[in-house]
N, C-alpha and C. Protein backbone atom coordinates (compact mmCIF):
# COMPACT_ATOMS: atom_id res chain seq x y z
N UNK A 1 -101.13 -130.68 -43.85
CA UNK A 1 -100.86 -129.37 -43.43
C UNK A 1 -99.98 -128.92 -44.68
N UNK A 2 -100.40 -127.56 -44.99
CA UNK A 2 -99.99 -127.11 -45.87
C UNK A 2 -100.17 -125.59 -46.28
N UNK A 3 -99.43 -124.65 -46.36
CA UNK A 3 -99.56 -123.23 -46.67
C UNK A 3 -98.65 -122.87 -47.60
N UNK A 4 -99.13 -121.96 -48.39
CA UNK A 4 -98.16 -121.12 -49.20
C UNK A 4 -98.19 -119.75 -49.10
N UNK A 5 -98.85 -119.26 -47.74
CA UNK A 5 -98.80 -117.81 -47.89
C UNK A 5 -97.80 -117.68 -46.46
N UNK A 6 -97.43 -116.26 -46.48
CA UNK A 6 -96.47 -115.96 -45.44
C UNK A 6 -96.69 -114.42 -45.05
N UNK A 7 -95.92 -114.07 -43.93
CA UNK A 7 -95.87 -112.86 -43.97
C UNK A 7 -95.90 -111.72 -44.90
N UNK A 8 -96.70 -110.47 -44.87
CA UNK A 8 -96.45 -109.53 -46.07
C UNK A 8 -94.91 -109.27 -46.70
N UNK A 9 -94.25 -109.04 -45.78
CA UNK A 9 -92.74 -108.78 -45.99
C UNK A 9 -91.80 -109.91 -46.39
N UNK A 10 -92.37 -111.40 -46.34
CA UNK A 10 -91.31 -112.33 -46.51
C UNK A 10 -91.47 -112.86 -48.00
N UNK A 11 -92.05 -112.08 -48.99
CA UNK A 11 -91.73 -112.36 -50.29
C UNK A 11 -92.66 -113.59 -50.61
N UNK A 12 -92.48 -113.54 -51.95
CA UNK A 12 -93.23 -114.72 -52.49
C UNK A 12 -92.90 -116.18 -52.13
N UNK A 13 -94.02 -116.96 -51.79
CA UNK A 13 -93.80 -118.42 -51.41
C UNK A 13 -94.67 -119.56 -52.20
N UNK A 14 -95.05 -119.23 -53.42
CA UNK A 14 -95.79 -120.18 -54.08
C UNK A 14 -94.83 -121.11 -54.76
N UNK A 15 -95.15 -122.46 -54.88
CA UNK A 15 -94.38 -123.12 -55.16
C UNK A 15 -93.89 -123.15 -56.75
N UNK A 16 -94.42 -122.47 -57.59
CA UNK A 16 -93.79 -122.32 -58.80
C UNK A 16 -92.88 -121.30 -58.85
N UNK A 17 -92.88 -120.54 -57.71
CA UNK A 17 -91.73 -119.30 -57.65
C UNK A 17 -90.58 -120.23 -57.26
N UNK A 18 -90.40 -121.50 -57.18
CA UNK A 18 -89.08 -121.97 -56.86
C UNK A 18 -88.60 -122.91 -58.12
N UNK A 19 -89.29 -123.24 -59.14
CA UNK A 19 -88.81 -123.89 -60.42
C UNK A 19 -89.60 -124.91 -60.34
N UNK A 20 -89.12 -125.57 -61.68
CA UNK A 20 -90.07 -126.80 -61.98
C UNK A 20 -89.78 -128.19 -61.11
N UNK A 21 -88.39 -128.35 -60.36
CA UNK A 21 -88.39 -129.36 -59.42
C UNK A 21 -89.05 -129.12 -58.13
N UNK A 22 -89.06 -128.13 -57.60
CA UNK A 22 -90.00 -127.49 -56.20
C UNK A 22 -91.60 -127.83 -56.82
N UNK A 23 -91.70 -127.29 -57.85
CA UNK A 23 -93.02 -127.35 -58.30
C UNK A 23 -93.52 -128.74 -58.42
N UNK A 24 -92.90 -129.75 -58.90
CA UNK A 24 -93.21 -131.27 -58.89
C UNK A 24 -93.36 -131.47 -57.80
N UNK A 25 -92.35 -131.47 -56.73
CA UNK A 25 -92.59 -131.99 -55.33
C UNK A 25 -93.81 -131.63 -54.76
N UNK A 26 -94.09 -130.08 -54.96
CA UNK A 26 -95.41 -129.84 -54.14
C UNK A 26 -96.46 -130.24 -54.91
N UNK A 27 -96.47 -130.67 -56.14
CA UNK A 27 -97.74 -131.14 -56.58
C UNK A 27 -98.03 -132.54 -56.04
N UNK A 28 -96.85 -133.28 -56.21
CA UNK A 28 -97.03 -134.71 -55.32
C UNK A 28 -97.50 -134.59 -54.21
N UNK A 29 -96.78 -133.54 -53.19
CA UNK A 29 -97.52 -133.50 -51.88
C UNK A 29 -98.88 -133.13 -51.82
N UNK A 30 -99.57 -132.38 -52.75
CA UNK A 30 -100.87 -132.06 -52.54
C UNK A 30 -101.39 -133.17 -52.93
N UNK A 31 -101.20 -134.05 -54.07
CA UNK A 31 -102.01 -134.95 -54.41
C UNK A 31 -102.06 -135.99 -53.18
N UNK A 32 -101.07 -136.26 -52.39
CA UNK A 32 -100.95 -137.09 -51.32
C UNK A 32 -101.82 -136.64 -50.32
N UNK A 33 -101.88 -135.25 -49.94
CA UNK A 33 -102.84 -134.74 -49.01
C UNK A 33 -104.13 -134.77 -49.40
N UNK A 34 -104.41 -134.59 -50.70
CA UNK A 34 -105.91 -135.13 -50.80
C UNK A 34 -106.21 -136.26 -50.77
N UNK A 35 -105.51 -137.32 -51.18
CA UNK A 35 -105.61 -138.69 -50.69
C UNK A 35 -105.95 -139.13 -49.46
N UNK A 36 -105.09 -138.25 -48.61
CA UNK A 36 -105.45 -138.66 -47.07
C UNK A 36 -106.52 -137.80 -46.48
N UNK A 37 -107.15 -137.17 -47.30
CA UNK A 37 -108.13 -135.99 -46.54
C UNK A 37 -109.12 -136.87 -45.97
N UNK A 38 -109.80 -138.06 -46.21
CA UNK A 38 -110.57 -138.47 -45.35
C UNK A 38 -109.94 -138.96 -44.13
N UNK A 39 -108.96 -139.90 -43.99
CA UNK A 39 -108.30 -140.06 -43.12
C UNK A 39 -108.32 -138.81 -41.83
N UNK A 40 -107.89 -137.55 -42.26
CA UNK A 40 -107.67 -136.48 -41.26
C UNK A 40 -109.15 -136.09 -40.61
N UNK A 41 -109.98 -136.06 -41.92
CA UNK A 41 -111.50 -135.95 -41.21
C UNK A 41 -111.91 -136.96 -40.08
N UNK A 42 -111.58 -137.87 -40.19
CA UNK A 42 -111.78 -139.14 -39.39
C UNK A 42 -111.13 -138.83 -37.99
N UNK A 43 -109.67 -138.34 -38.13
CA UNK A 43 -108.85 -138.10 -36.99
C UNK A 43 -109.46 -136.97 -36.29
N UNK A 44 -109.83 -135.79 -36.88
CA UNK A 44 -110.45 -134.53 -36.46
C UNK A 44 -111.72 -135.10 -35.65
N UNK A 45 -112.37 -135.98 -35.93
CA UNK A 45 -113.63 -136.34 -35.54
C UNK A 45 -113.41 -137.15 -34.19
N UNK A 46 -112.36 -138.12 -34.09
CA UNK A 46 -112.22 -138.90 -33.19
C UNK A 46 -111.48 -137.84 -32.00
N UNK A 47 -110.64 -137.01 -32.53
CA UNK A 47 -110.09 -136.23 -31.38
C UNK A 47 -111.10 -135.49 -30.80
N UNK A 48 -111.80 -134.79 -31.60
CA UNK A 48 -112.94 -133.96 -30.89
C UNK A 48 -113.96 -135.14 -29.98
N UNK A 49 -114.14 -136.14 -30.27
CA UNK A 49 -114.99 -137.10 -29.24
C UNK A 49 -114.14 -137.46 -28.03
N UNK A 50 -112.80 -137.69 -28.39
CA UNK A 50 -111.94 -138.28 -26.96
C UNK A 50 -111.23 -137.04 -26.38
N UNK A 51 -110.75 -136.07 -27.15
CA UNK A 51 -110.05 -134.96 -26.57
C UNK A 51 -108.55 -135.34 -26.86
N UNK A 52 -108.08 -136.45 -27.42
CA UNK A 52 -106.76 -136.59 -27.65
C UNK A 52 -106.24 -136.03 -29.03
N UNK A 53 -105.34 -135.68 -29.24
CA UNK A 53 -104.81 -134.73 -30.21
C UNK A 53 -104.52 -135.70 -31.13
N UNK A 54 -104.45 -135.36 -32.54
CA UNK A 54 -104.53 -136.45 -33.50
C UNK A 54 -103.07 -136.42 -34.26
N UNK A 55 -102.27 -135.28 -33.98
CA UNK A 55 -100.62 -135.27 -33.83
C UNK A 55 -100.19 -135.27 -32.53
N UNK A 56 -99.67 -136.60 -32.38
CA UNK A 56 -99.25 -137.04 -30.91
C UNK A 56 -97.73 -137.27 -30.61
N UNK A 57 -97.17 -136.67 -29.65
CA UNK A 57 -95.66 -136.72 -29.57
C UNK A 57 -95.54 -138.28 -29.33
N UNK A 58 -94.13 -138.81 -29.93
CA UNK A 58 -93.73 -140.22 -29.67
C UNK A 58 -93.90 -140.86 -28.53
N UNK A 59 -94.05 -140.41 -27.59
CA UNK A 59 -94.16 -141.01 -26.08
C UNK A 59 -95.60 -141.31 -25.63
N UNK A 60 -96.41 -140.94 -26.46
CA UNK A 60 -97.74 -140.90 -26.30
C UNK A 60 -98.22 -142.27 -25.70
N UNK A 61 -98.02 -143.35 -26.35
CA UNK A 61 -98.32 -144.53 -25.95
C UNK A 61 -97.33 -145.35 -24.86
N UNK A 62 -96.27 -144.78 -24.70
CA UNK A 62 -95.31 -145.20 -23.56
C UNK A 62 -94.76 -144.13 -22.92
N UNK A 63 -95.56 -143.26 -22.07
CA UNK A 63 -95.29 -141.94 -21.48
C UNK A 63 -93.89 -142.58 -20.41
N UNK A 64 -93.59 -143.60 -19.97
CA UNK A 64 -92.32 -143.99 -19.19
C UNK A 64 -91.11 -144.46 -19.86
N UNK A 65 -91.25 -144.39 -21.31
CA UNK A 65 -89.98 -144.72 -22.19
C UNK A 65 -89.22 -143.10 -22.19
N UNK A 66 -88.11 -142.94 -21.74
CA UNK A 66 -87.49 -141.88 -21.56
C UNK A 66 -86.79 -141.37 -22.65
N UNK A 67 -86.17 -142.48 -23.75
CA UNK A 67 -85.72 -141.94 -24.88
C UNK A 67 -86.88 -141.62 -25.80
N UNK A 68 -88.34 -142.00 -25.53
CA UNK A 68 -89.31 -141.13 -26.26
C UNK A 68 -89.47 -139.90 -26.19
N UNK A 69 -89.23 -139.71 -24.95
CA UNK A 69 -89.62 -138.39 -24.35
C UNK A 69 -88.68 -137.24 -24.54
N UNK A 70 -87.69 -137.99 -25.12
CA UNK A 70 -86.38 -136.94 -25.63
C UNK A 70 -86.33 -136.71 -27.16
N UNK A 71 -87.40 -137.63 -27.77
CA UNK A 71 -87.16 -137.50 -29.23
C UNK A 71 -88.17 -136.33 -29.78
N UNK A 72 -87.40 -135.46 -30.62
CA UNK A 72 -87.90 -134.24 -30.85
C UNK A 72 -88.25 -133.92 -32.62
N UNK A 73 -87.68 -135.21 -33.23
CA UNK A 73 -87.93 -134.97 -34.41
C UNK A 73 -88.64 -136.13 -35.13
N UNK A 74 -89.73 -136.57 -34.24
CA UNK A 74 -90.66 -137.26 -35.28
C UNK A 74 -92.08 -137.52 -34.31
N UNK A 75 -92.98 -137.59 -34.82
CA UNK A 75 -94.41 -137.56 -34.45
C UNK A 75 -95.40 -138.81 -34.61
N UNK A 76 -96.23 -138.86 -33.71
CA UNK A 76 -97.38 -140.01 -34.56
C UNK A 76 -98.59 -139.14 -35.04
N UNK A 77 -98.88 -139.78 -35.86
CA UNK A 77 -100.15 -139.17 -36.70
C UNK A 77 -101.49 -140.07 -36.34
N UNK A 78 -102.22 -140.12 -35.56
CA UNK A 78 -103.47 -141.20 -35.83
C UNK A 78 -103.34 -141.79 -34.77
């Protein structure tokens, strides 16, 4: 997931607007996203066939685990 746009009044958000260090990190993230694109396409197809989301909460595989239900800063992908 990646977006460079925002609300009209939010100002410029393009990676190059924040300097060379941010641009370098943004470039690396985009390269990684492109590397993973076939995987994301496959995840989308599986989600369409099964109805299960491909971005899942941590408790998805163990719904009875209370600690996982309280986790709000991590997720499963795939």
